[in-house]
Amino acid sequence: MNRRNMLYGGAAAAAALAGAGAAWWKFQPHTVPPEASAQAAGDAFWAMGFETPDGKPLSMAPFRGKLLLVNFWATWCPPCVEELPLLDFFYQENKDKNFQVVGLAVDQPSAVRTWLQTRPLNFPVAMAGLGGTELGKSLGNTTGSLPFTVVFSPAGALVHRKTGKVTPEELVQWARPV
């Protein structure tokens, strides 16, 4: 009987510790970039340039003046590759309405080239590489998760952010003039 009580007591103590640890993790202050710093990162974004998977330069500056959706993705990320056809279709339907999509791959150029050979996209794709995770965090992706999408207004302001797959309804909402 004594051994049984010790077993129950040990299980209860382990459960209490696990609960306390989970509560501490949930309620501890996480570093979240303030809106002002995310906006400053958005301002800096327009001066950036990336390479396409084929090694050609792709500057962000020429996209200023358009509603710009930037999608951070990777070939190894199932939700990323699931949403790319939706983004491509939406881009095709709205490109004549001052709407632009750019895909920034957080991946290896060879993997992206191979992937694009079998599933070409109509919008520009560039390589953000591993630095894309830090860029995403500076734009408000606090967890560094993929896919991550941001939308810039034609004036260049960061107006929307989304971690996870986008929905058709979100795209319609975001494509409205701001």
N, C-alpha and C. Protein backbone atom coordinates (compact mmCIF):
# COMPACT_ATOMS: atom_id res chain seq x y z
N MET A 1 0.82 -1.19 0.00
CA MET A 1 0.00 0.00 0.00
C MET A 1 0.87 1.26 0.00
N ASN A 2 1.95 1.26 0.73
CA ASN A 2 2.83 2.40 0.79
C ASN A 2 3.45 2.70 -0.57
N ARG A 3 3.83 1.64 -1.27
CA ARG A 3 4.43 1.82 -2.60
C ARG A 3 3.41 2.42 -3.58
N ARG A 4 2.15 1.99 -3.48
CA ARG A 4 1.09 2.51 -4.33
C ARG A 4 0.88 4.01 -4.06
N ASN A 5 0.87 4.42 -2.83
CA ASN A 5 0.71 5.84 -2.49
C ASN A 5 1.88 6.67 -3.03
N MET A 6 3.08 6.10 -2.94
CA MET A 6 4.25 6.81 -3.48
C MET A 6 4.13 6.96 -4.99
N LEU A 7 3.64 5.93 -5.67
CA LEU A 7 3.45 5.99 -7.11
C LEU A 7 2.43 7.07 -7.49
N TYR A 8 1.30 7.08 -6.78
CA TYR A 8 0.28 8.11 -7.04
C TYR A 8 0.83 9.51 -6.74
N GLY A 9 1.55 9.60 -5.64
CA GLY A 9 2.13 10.90 -5.26
C GLY A 9 3.12 11.38 -6.30
N GLY A 10 3.94 10.46 -6.81
CA GLY A 10 4.91 10.82 -7.85
C GLY A 10 4.22 11.25 -9.13
N ALA A 11 3.16 10.54 -9.51
CA ALA A 11 2.41 10.90 -10.72
C ALA A 11 1.75 12.27 -10.55
N ALA A 12 1.21 12.53 -9.36
CA ALA A 12 0.57 13.82 -9.10
C ALA A 12 1.60 14.94 -9.15
N ALA A 13 2.79 14.70 -8.57
CA ALA A 13 3.84 15.71 -8.59
C ALA A 13 4.30 15.99 -10.02
N ALA A 14 4.44 14.95 -10.83
CA ALA A 14 4.85 15.12 -12.22
C ALA A 14 3.80 15.91 -13.00
N ALA A 15 2.53 15.60 -12.75
CA ALA A 15 1.45 16.33 -13.43
C ALA A 15 1.44 17.79 -13.01
N ALA A 16 1.66 18.05 -11.72
CA ALA A 16 1.69 19.43 -11.23
C ALA A 16 2.85 20.19 -11.86
N LEU A 17 4.02 19.55 -11.95
CA LEU A 17 5.17 20.20 -12.57
C LEU A 17 4.91 20.49 -14.05
N ALA A 18 4.32 19.53 -14.74
CA ALA A 18 4.02 19.72 -16.16
C ALA A 18 3.03 20.87 -16.33
N GLY A 19 2.01 20.93 -15.48
CA GLY A 19 1.03 22.02 -15.56
C GLY A 19 1.66 23.37 -15.26
N ALA A 20 2.52 23.40 -14.25
CA ALA A 20 3.20 24.66 -13.91
C ALA A 20 4.11 25.10 -15.05
N GLY A 21 4.83 24.14 -15.65
CA GLY A 21 5.70 24.48 -16.78
C GLY A 21 4.92 25.00 -17.97
N ALA A 22 3.79 24.36 -18.27
CA ALA A 22 2.96 24.81 -19.39
C ALA A 22 2.41 26.20 -19.12
N ALA A 23 1.97 26.45 -17.89
CA ALA A 23 1.45 27.78 -17.55
C ALA A 23 2.54 28.83 -17.65
N TRP A 24 3.75 28.49 -17.16
CA TRP A 24 4.85 29.44 -17.24
C TRP A 24 5.15 29.78 -18.70
N TRP A 25 5.21 28.76 -19.56
CA TRP A 25 5.50 28.97 -20.98
C TRP A 25 4.42 29.83 -21.64
N LYS A 26 3.17 29.53 -21.33
CA LYS A 26 2.07 30.26 -21.97
C LYS A 26 2.04 31.72 -21.56
N PHE A 27 2.31 31.98 -20.30
CA PHE A 27 2.13 33.34 -19.79
C PHE A 27 3.42 34.15 -19.66
N GLN A 28 4.56 33.57 -19.99
CA GLN A 28 5.79 34.35 -19.93
C GLN A 28 5.78 35.37 -21.06
N PRO A 29 6.45 36.49 -20.88
CA PRO A 29 6.47 37.47 -21.97
C PRO A 29 7.32 36.97 -23.13
N HIS A 30 6.71 36.84 -24.30
CA HIS A 30 7.43 36.46 -25.51
C HIS A 30 7.81 37.73 -26.25
N THR A 31 8.93 37.69 -26.93
CA THR A 31 9.36 38.85 -27.69
C THR A 31 8.46 39.01 -28.91
N VAL A 32 7.73 40.09 -28.94
CA VAL A 32 6.85 40.40 -30.05
C VAL A 32 7.27 41.75 -30.58
N PRO A 33 7.63 41.83 -31.85
CA PRO A 33 8.03 43.14 -32.35
C PRO A 33 6.87 44.12 -32.27
N PRO A 34 7.09 45.28 -31.68
CA PRO A 34 6.02 46.27 -31.67
C PRO A 34 5.64 46.67 -33.08
N GLU A 35 4.44 47.17 -33.22
CA GLU A 35 3.96 47.59 -34.54
C GLU A 35 4.96 48.55 -35.20
N ALA A 36 5.51 49.46 -34.41
CA ALA A 36 6.43 50.45 -34.99
C ALA A 36 7.67 49.79 -35.57
N SER A 37 8.23 48.76 -34.86
CA SER A 37 9.44 48.13 -35.39
C SER A 37 9.10 47.26 -36.60
N ALA A 38 7.93 46.63 -36.60
CA ALA A 38 7.53 45.85 -37.77
C ALA A 38 7.32 46.78 -38.97
N GLN A 39 6.76 47.96 -38.70
CA GLN A 39 6.57 48.92 -39.79
C GLN A 39 7.92 49.43 -40.30
N ALA A 40 8.87 49.65 -39.39
CA ALA A 40 10.20 50.09 -39.81
C ALA A 40 10.85 49.01 -40.68
N ALA A 41 10.66 47.74 -40.29
CA ALA A 41 11.18 46.64 -41.10
C ALA A 41 10.50 46.63 -42.46
N GLY A 42 9.20 46.93 -42.47
CA GLY A 42 8.47 47.03 -43.74
C GLY A 42 9.03 48.13 -44.62
N ASP A 43 9.37 49.26 -44.00
CA ASP A 43 9.97 50.36 -44.77
C ASP A 43 11.30 49.93 -45.37
N ALA A 44 12.12 49.21 -44.58
CA ALA A 44 13.42 48.75 -45.06
C ALA A 44 13.26 47.70 -46.16
N PHE A 45 12.16 46.98 -46.15
CA PHE A 45 11.91 45.93 -47.14
C PHE A 45 12.02 46.46 -48.57
N TRP A 46 11.55 47.68 -48.79
CA TRP A 46 11.52 48.23 -50.15
C TRP A 46 12.91 48.46 -50.74
N ALA A 47 13.92 48.53 -49.89
CA ALA A 47 15.29 48.71 -50.37
C ALA A 47 15.98 47.37 -50.64
N MET A 48 15.31 46.27 -50.33
CA MET A 48 15.93 44.96 -50.46
C MET A 48 15.88 44.43 -51.89
N GLY A 49 16.79 43.53 -52.14
CA GLY A 49 16.82 42.79 -53.39
C GLY A 49 17.16 41.34 -53.09
N PHE A 50 16.69 40.47 -53.92
CA PHE A 50 16.92 39.04 -53.76
C PHE A 50 17.32 38.47 -55.11
N GLU A 51 17.80 37.24 -55.10
CA GLU A 51 18.09 36.55 -56.35
C GLU A 51 16.97 35.58 -56.65
N THR A 52 16.65 35.45 -57.92
CA THR A 52 15.69 34.43 -58.34
C THR A 52 16.40 33.07 -58.25
N PRO A 53 15.66 31.98 -58.34
CA PRO A 53 16.32 30.67 -58.31
C PRO A 53 17.34 30.50 -59.43
N ASP A 54 17.21 31.28 -60.50
CA ASP A 54 18.16 31.21 -61.61
C ASP A 54 19.31 32.19 -61.46
N GLY A 55 19.37 32.90 -60.32
CA GLY A 55 20.48 33.81 -60.06
C GLY A 55 20.31 35.23 -60.58
N LYS A 56 19.14 35.58 -61.08
CA LYS A 56 18.90 36.94 -61.56
C LYS A 56 18.44 37.81 -60.40
N PRO A 57 18.76 39.11 -60.42
CA PRO A 57 18.34 39.98 -59.33
C PRO A 57 16.84 40.31 -59.39
N LEU A 58 16.24 40.42 -58.21
CA LEU A 58 14.84 40.84 -58.11
C LEU A 58 14.76 41.87 -56.99
N SER A 59 14.59 43.12 -57.37
CA SER A 59 14.49 44.22 -56.42
C SER A 59 13.03 44.41 -56.02
N MET A 60 12.81 44.78 -54.77
CA MET A 60 11.45 45.02 -54.30
C MET A 60 10.96 46.44 -54.66
N ALA A 61 11.86 47.36 -54.87
CA ALA A 61 11.50 48.76 -55.13
C ALA A 61 10.50 48.93 -56.28
N PRO A 62 10.63 48.23 -57.41
CA PRO A 62 9.68 48.44 -58.50
C PRO A 62 8.24 48.03 -58.17
N PHE A 63 8.05 47.24 -57.11
CA PHE A 63 6.70 46.82 -56.73
C PHE A 63 5.98 47.86 -55.88
N ARG A 64 6.72 48.85 -55.40
CA ARG A 64 6.08 49.91 -54.61
C ARG A 64 5.11 50.64 -55.52
N GLY A 65 3.95 50.95 -55.01
CA GLY A 65 2.90 51.55 -55.82
C GLY A 65 1.82 50.55 -56.18
N LYS A 66 2.10 49.28 -55.90
CA LYS A 66 1.11 48.21 -56.10
C LYS A 66 0.75 47.63 -54.74
N LEU A 67 -0.40 47.01 -54.66
CA LEU A 67 -0.73 46.20 -53.49
C LEU A 67 0.13 44.95 -53.61
N LEU A 68 1.04 44.74 -52.67
CA LEU A 68 2.03 43.67 -52.78
C LEU A 68 1.83 42.63 -51.68
N LEU A 69 1.58 41.40 -52.09
CA LEU A 69 1.51 40.26 -51.18
C LEU A 69 2.83 39.51 -51.29
N VAL A 70 3.51 39.35 -50.16
CA VAL A 70 4.77 38.62 -50.12
C VAL A 70 4.54 37.35 -49.29
N ASN A 71 4.82 36.22 -49.91
CA ASN A 71 4.59 34.92 -49.27
C ASN A 71 5.93 34.24 -49.04
N PHE A 72 6.24 33.96 -47.76
CA PHE A 72 7.43 33.20 -47.39
C PHE A 72 7.05 31.72 -47.39
N TRP A 73 7.80 30.90 -48.12
CA TRP A 73 7.44 29.51 -48.29
C TRP A 73 8.70 28.66 -48.47
N ALA A 74 8.52 27.34 -48.50
CA ALA A 74 9.61 26.41 -48.76
C ALA A 74 9.05 25.16 -49.43
N THR A 75 9.87 24.51 -50.22
CA THR A 75 9.43 23.29 -50.91
C THR A 75 9.16 22.15 -49.94
N TRP A 76 9.81 22.16 -48.79
CA TRP A 76 9.66 21.09 -47.80
C TRP A 76 8.50 21.34 -46.84
N CYS A 77 7.74 22.40 -47.05
CA CYS A 77 6.65 22.80 -46.16
C CYS A 77 5.31 22.47 -46.82
N PRO A 78 4.62 21.38 -46.40
CA PRO A 78 3.37 20.99 -47.06
C PRO A 78 2.31 22.10 -47.13
N PRO A 79 2.03 22.86 -46.04
CA PRO A 79 1.01 23.90 -46.20
C PRO A 79 1.44 24.99 -47.19
N CYS A 80 2.75 25.21 -47.29
CA CYS A 80 3.26 26.22 -48.23
C CYS A 80 2.93 25.82 -49.67
N VAL A 81 3.30 24.60 -50.03
CA VAL A 81 3.09 24.18 -51.40
C VAL A 81 1.61 23.96 -51.71
N GLU A 82 0.80 23.70 -50.66
CA GLU A 82 -0.65 23.58 -50.87
C GLU A 82 -1.29 24.91 -51.21
N GLU A 83 -0.76 26.01 -50.64
CA GLU A 83 -1.39 27.31 -50.88
C GLU A 83 -0.86 28.02 -52.14
N LEU A 84 0.26 27.59 -52.67
CA LEU A 84 0.82 28.28 -53.85
C LEU A 84 -0.11 28.29 -55.05
N PRO A 85 -0.82 27.21 -55.38
CA PRO A 85 -1.75 27.30 -56.52
C PRO A 85 -2.86 28.33 -56.28
N LEU A 86 -3.34 28.45 -55.06
CA LEU A 86 -4.34 29.47 -54.74
C LEU A 86 -3.76 30.87 -54.94
N LEU A 87 -2.55 31.11 -54.45
CA LEU A 87 -1.91 32.41 -54.64
C LEU A 87 -1.70 32.71 -56.11
N ASP A 88 -1.28 31.69 -56.87
CA ASP A 88 -1.03 31.88 -58.30
C ASP A 88 -2.33 32.20 -59.04
N PHE A 89 -3.39 31.47 -58.73
CA PHE A 89 -4.68 31.73 -59.36
C PHE A 89 -5.17 33.14 -59.02
N PHE A 90 -5.07 33.50 -57.74
CA PHE A 90 -5.54 34.82 -57.33
C PHE A 90 -4.71 35.92 -57.99
N TYR A 91 -3.41 35.70 -58.10
CA TYR A 91 -2.56 36.67 -58.80
C TYR A 91 -2.99 36.82 -60.25
N GLN A 92 -3.22 35.71 -60.94
CA GLN A 92 -3.63 35.75 -62.34
C GLN A 92 -4.94 36.53 -62.51
N GLU A 93 -5.86 36.34 -61.56
CA GLU A 93 -7.16 37.01 -61.63
C GLU A 93 -7.09 38.50 -61.31
N ASN A 94 -6.05 38.93 -60.58
CA ASN A 94 -6.02 40.30 -60.07
C ASN A 94 -4.80 41.12 -60.49
N LYS A 95 -3.92 40.57 -61.30
CA LYS A 95 -2.70 41.29 -61.65
C LYS A 95 -2.98 42.57 -62.43
N ASP A 96 -4.09 42.63 -63.13
CA ASP A 96 -4.43 43.85 -63.87
C ASP A 96 -5.11 44.90 -63.00
N LYS A 97 -5.25 44.59 -61.70
CA LYS A 97 -5.89 45.51 -60.75
C LYS A 97 -4.87 46.07 -59.77
N ASN A 98 -3.63 46.24 -60.23
CA ASN A 98 -2.56 46.81 -59.40
C ASN A 98 -2.22 45.90 -58.21
N PHE A 99 -2.33 44.58 -58.41
CA PHE A 99 -2.07 43.58 -57.37
C PHE A 99 -0.87 42.74 -57.79
N GLN A 100 0.09 42.58 -56.88
CA GLN A 100 1.30 41.82 -57.19
C GLN A 100 1.56 40.80 -56.08
N VAL A 101 2.05 39.63 -56.46
CA VAL A 101 2.47 38.60 -55.52
C VAL A 101 3.95 38.33 -55.77
N VAL A 102 4.70 38.17 -54.69
CA VAL A 102 6.10 37.73 -54.76
C VAL A 102 6.26 36.60 -53.77
N GLY A 103 6.86 35.51 -54.21
CA GLY A 103 7.17 34.40 -53.32
C GLY A 103 8.63 34.47 -52.90
N LEU A 104 8.88 34.45 -51.60
CA LEU A 104 10.25 34.41 -51.09
C LEU A 104 10.49 33.03 -50.47
N ALA A 105 11.33 32.26 -51.13
CA ALA A 105 11.59 30.89 -50.72
C ALA A 105 12.66 30.85 -49.63
N VAL A 106 12.32 30.22 -48.53
CA VAL A 106 13.25 29.99 -47.42
C VAL A 106 13.76 28.56 -47.64
N ASP A 107 14.65 28.42 -48.61
CA ASP A 107 14.99 27.10 -49.12
C ASP A 107 16.29 27.19 -49.91
N GLN A 108 16.71 26.07 -50.46
CA GLN A 108 17.88 26.00 -51.32
C GLN A 108 17.47 26.30 -52.77
N PRO A 109 18.26 27.07 -53.51
CA PRO A 109 17.90 27.39 -54.89
C PRO A 109 17.66 26.15 -55.76
N SER A 110 18.47 25.11 -55.58
CA SER A 110 18.30 23.90 -56.41
C SER A 110 16.95 23.24 -56.15
N ALA A 111 16.52 23.21 -54.89
CA ALA A 111 15.22 22.61 -54.56
C ALA A 111 14.08 23.43 -55.16
N VAL A 112 14.22 24.75 -55.12
CA VAL A 112 13.17 25.63 -55.67
C VAL A 112 13.12 25.50 -57.18
N ARG A 113 14.29 25.48 -57.83
CA ARG A 113 14.32 25.31 -59.30
C ARG A 113 13.64 24.01 -59.70
N THR A 114 13.97 22.93 -59.02
CA THR A 114 13.37 21.63 -59.33
C THR A 114 11.86 21.67 -59.13
N TRP A 115 11.42 22.25 -58.02
CA TRP A 115 9.99 22.34 -57.72
C TRP A 115 9.27 23.17 -58.79
N LEU A 116 9.85 24.31 -59.17
CA LEU A 116 9.21 25.19 -60.16
C LEU A 116 9.17 24.59 -61.56
N GLN A 117 10.07 23.66 -61.86
CA GLN A 117 10.04 22.99 -63.17
C GLN A 117 8.77 22.16 -63.32
N THR A 118 8.30 21.57 -62.23
CA THR A 118 7.11 20.74 -62.31
C THR A 118 5.84 21.50 -61.98
N ARG A 119 5.97 22.61 -61.26
CA ARG A 119 4.80 23.42 -60.85
C ARG A 119 5.11 24.89 -61.04
N PRO A 120 5.19 25.37 -62.26
CA PRO A 120 5.56 26.78 -62.49
C PRO A 120 4.53 27.74 -61.90
N LEU A 121 5.02 28.89 -61.49
CA LEU A 121 4.17 29.95 -60.95
C LEU A 121 4.26 31.16 -61.86
N ASN A 122 3.19 31.94 -61.92
CA ASN A 122 3.15 33.10 -62.78
C ASN A 122 3.66 34.36 -62.10
N PHE A 123 3.86 34.32 -60.80
CA PHE A 123 4.39 35.49 -60.10
C PHE A 123 5.87 35.26 -59.81
N PRO A 124 6.61 36.35 -59.56
CA PRO A 124 8.05 36.20 -59.31
C PRO A 124 8.33 35.44 -58.02
N VAL A 125 9.37 34.61 -58.08
CA VAL A 125 9.86 33.88 -56.92
C VAL A 125 11.33 34.23 -56.75
N ALA A 126 11.71 34.51 -55.52
CA ALA A 126 13.10 34.84 -55.21
C ALA A 126 13.54 34.04 -54.00
N MET A 127 14.84 34.03 -53.79
CA MET A 127 15.42 33.26 -52.71
C MET A 127 15.66 34.15 -51.49
N ALA A 128 14.99 33.84 -50.39
CA ALA A 128 15.25 34.54 -49.14
C ALA A 128 16.26 33.75 -48.31
N GLY A 129 16.42 32.48 -48.64
CA GLY A 129 17.36 31.64 -47.91
C GLY A 129 17.03 31.57 -46.44
N LEU A 130 18.02 31.19 -45.63
CA LEU A 130 17.78 31.09 -44.19
C LEU A 130 17.55 32.46 -43.57
N GLY A 131 18.06 33.51 -44.21
CA GLY A 131 17.81 34.86 -43.72
C GLY A 131 16.35 35.25 -43.84
N GLY A 132 15.60 34.50 -44.63
CA GLY A 132 14.18 34.78 -44.77
C GLY A 132 13.42 34.60 -43.47
N THR A 133 13.90 33.70 -42.63
CA THR A 133 13.26 33.51 -41.32
C THR A 133 13.41 34.78 -40.48
N GLU A 134 14.60 35.35 -40.49
CA GLU A 134 14.83 36.59 -39.72
C GLU A 134 14.05 37.76 -40.33
N LEU A 135 14.00 37.82 -41.65
CA LEU A 135 13.22 38.87 -42.30
C LEU A 135 11.75 38.73 -41.91
N GLY A 136 11.24 37.50 -41.96
CA GLY A 136 9.85 37.27 -41.56
C GLY A 136 9.60 37.69 -40.12
N LYS A 137 10.54 37.36 -39.23
CA LYS A 137 10.38 37.76 -37.82
C LYS A 137 10.36 39.28 -37.70
N SER A 138 11.19 39.96 -38.48
CA SER A 138 11.21 41.43 -38.41
C SER A 138 9.90 42.03 -38.91
N LEU A 139 9.16 41.27 -39.72
CA LEU A 139 7.88 41.73 -40.24
C LEU A 139 6.70 41.25 -39.39
N GLY A 140 6.99 40.57 -38.27
CA GLY A 140 5.94 40.18 -37.35
C GLY A 140 5.69 38.70 -37.19
N ASN A 141 6.47 37.85 -37.86
CA ASN A 141 6.31 36.40 -37.72
C ASN A 141 7.10 35.95 -36.49
N THR A 142 6.52 36.11 -35.32
CA THR A 142 7.24 35.88 -34.07
C THR A 142 7.71 34.46 -33.89
N THR A 143 7.05 33.48 -34.50
CA THR A 143 7.43 32.08 -34.33
C THR A 143 8.38 31.58 -35.40
N GLY A 144 8.53 32.32 -36.49
CA GLY A 144 9.38 31.87 -37.60
C GLY A 144 8.74 30.75 -38.40
N SER A 145 7.42 30.59 -38.28
CA SER A 145 6.70 29.52 -38.96
C SER A 145 6.48 29.83 -40.44
N LEU A 146 6.28 28.77 -41.20
CA LEU A 146 5.92 28.89 -42.61
C LEU A 146 4.62 28.15 -42.84
N PRO A 147 3.83 28.58 -43.79
CA PRO A 147 3.97 29.79 -44.59
C PRO A 147 3.66 31.04 -43.76
N PHE A 148 4.22 32.14 -44.23
CA PHE A 148 3.98 33.45 -43.62
C PHE A 148 3.75 34.43 -44.75
N THR A 149 2.72 35.24 -44.62
CA THR A 149 2.34 36.17 -45.68
C THR A 149 2.17 37.56 -45.11
N VAL A 150 2.69 38.55 -45.84
CA VAL A 150 2.47 39.95 -45.49
C VAL A 150 1.93 40.65 -46.72
N VAL A 151 1.18 41.72 -46.47
CA VAL A 151 0.64 42.53 -47.55
C VAL A 151 1.03 43.98 -47.29
N PHE A 152 1.57 44.61 -48.33
CA PHE A 152 1.94 46.02 -48.27
C PHE A 152 0.96 46.82 -49.12
N SER A 153 0.57 47.98 -48.63
CA SER A 153 -0.30 48.87 -49.40
C SER A 153 0.49 49.47 -50.55
N PRO A 154 -0.19 50.07 -51.53
CA PRO A 154 0.53 50.75 -52.60
C PRO A 154 1.46 51.86 -52.09
N ALA A 155 1.15 52.43 -50.93
CA ALA A 155 2.00 53.46 -50.34
C ALA A 155 3.22 52.86 -49.64
N GLY A 156 3.26 51.53 -49.54
CA GLY A 156 4.40 50.87 -48.95
C GLY A 156 4.23 50.46 -47.50
N ALA A 157 3.07 50.71 -46.90
CA ALA A 157 2.84 50.38 -45.50
C ALA A 157 2.47 48.90 -45.35
N LEU A 158 2.95 48.30 -44.29
CA LEU A 158 2.59 46.93 -43.96
C LEU A 158 1.17 46.94 -43.40
N VAL A 159 0.23 46.28 -44.11
CA VAL A 159 -1.18 46.36 -43.71
C VAL A 159 -1.77 45.04 -43.24
N HIS A 160 -1.19 43.90 -43.61
CA HIS A 160 -1.71 42.60 -43.18
C HIS A 160 -0.56 41.64 -42.97
N ARG A 161 -0.76 40.72 -42.00
CA ARG A 161 0.19 39.63 -41.73
C ARG A 161 -0.60 38.38 -41.43
N LYS A 162 -0.06 37.25 -41.85
CA LYS A 162 -0.74 35.98 -41.57
C LYS A 162 0.31 34.87 -41.47
N THR A 163 0.28 34.15 -40.37
CA THR A 163 1.09 32.94 -40.22
C THR A 163 0.16 31.77 -40.51
N GLY A 164 0.58 30.88 -41.39
CA GLY A 164 -0.26 29.75 -41.79
C GLY A 164 -0.84 30.00 -43.18
N LYS A 165 -1.57 28.99 -43.65
CA LYS A 165 -2.15 29.07 -45.00
C LYS A 165 -3.18 30.19 -45.09
N VAL A 166 -3.14 30.89 -46.21
CA VAL A 166 -4.15 31.91 -46.47
C VAL A 166 -5.41 31.25 -47.01
N THR A 167 -6.52 31.94 -46.84
CA THR A 167 -7.79 31.45 -47.36
C THR A 167 -8.22 32.33 -48.53
N PRO A 168 -9.09 31.82 -49.39
CA PRO A 168 -9.59 32.66 -50.48
C PRO A 168 -10.29 33.92 -49.95
N GLU A 169 -10.98 33.79 -48.82
CA GLU A 169 -11.68 34.95 -48.25
C GLU A 169 -10.68 36.03 -47.81
N GLU A 170 -9.57 35.61 -47.22
CA GLU A 170 -8.55 36.58 -46.82
C GLU A 170 -7.96 37.29 -48.03
N LEU A 171 -7.71 36.53 -49.09
CA LEU A 171 -7.16 37.16 -50.28
C LEU A 171 -8.11 38.20 -50.86
N VAL A 172 -9.39 37.88 -50.89
CA VAL A 172 -10.39 38.84 -51.39
C VAL A 172 -10.40 40.09 -50.51
N GLN A 173 -10.36 39.88 -49.20
CA GLN A 173 -10.37 41.02 -48.27
C GLN A 173 -9.11 41.86 -48.45
N TRP A 174 -7.96 41.23 -48.55
CA TRP A 174 -6.70 41.95 -48.67
C TRP A 174 -6.55 42.68 -49.99
N ALA A 175 -7.19 42.17 -51.04
CA ALA A 175 -7.05 42.78 -52.36
C ALA A 175 -7.90 44.04 -52.52
N ARG A 176 -8.75 44.32 -51.54
CA ARG A 176 -9.55 45.55 -51.60
C ARG A 176 -8.63 46.74 -51.43
N PRO A 177 -8.93 47.83 -52.10
CA PRO A 177 -8.09 49.03 -51.93
C PRO A 177 -8.04 49.47 -50.48
N VAL A 178 -6.83 49.85 -50.03
CA VAL A 178 -6.65 50.31 -48.65
C VAL A 178 -6.40 51.79 -48.58
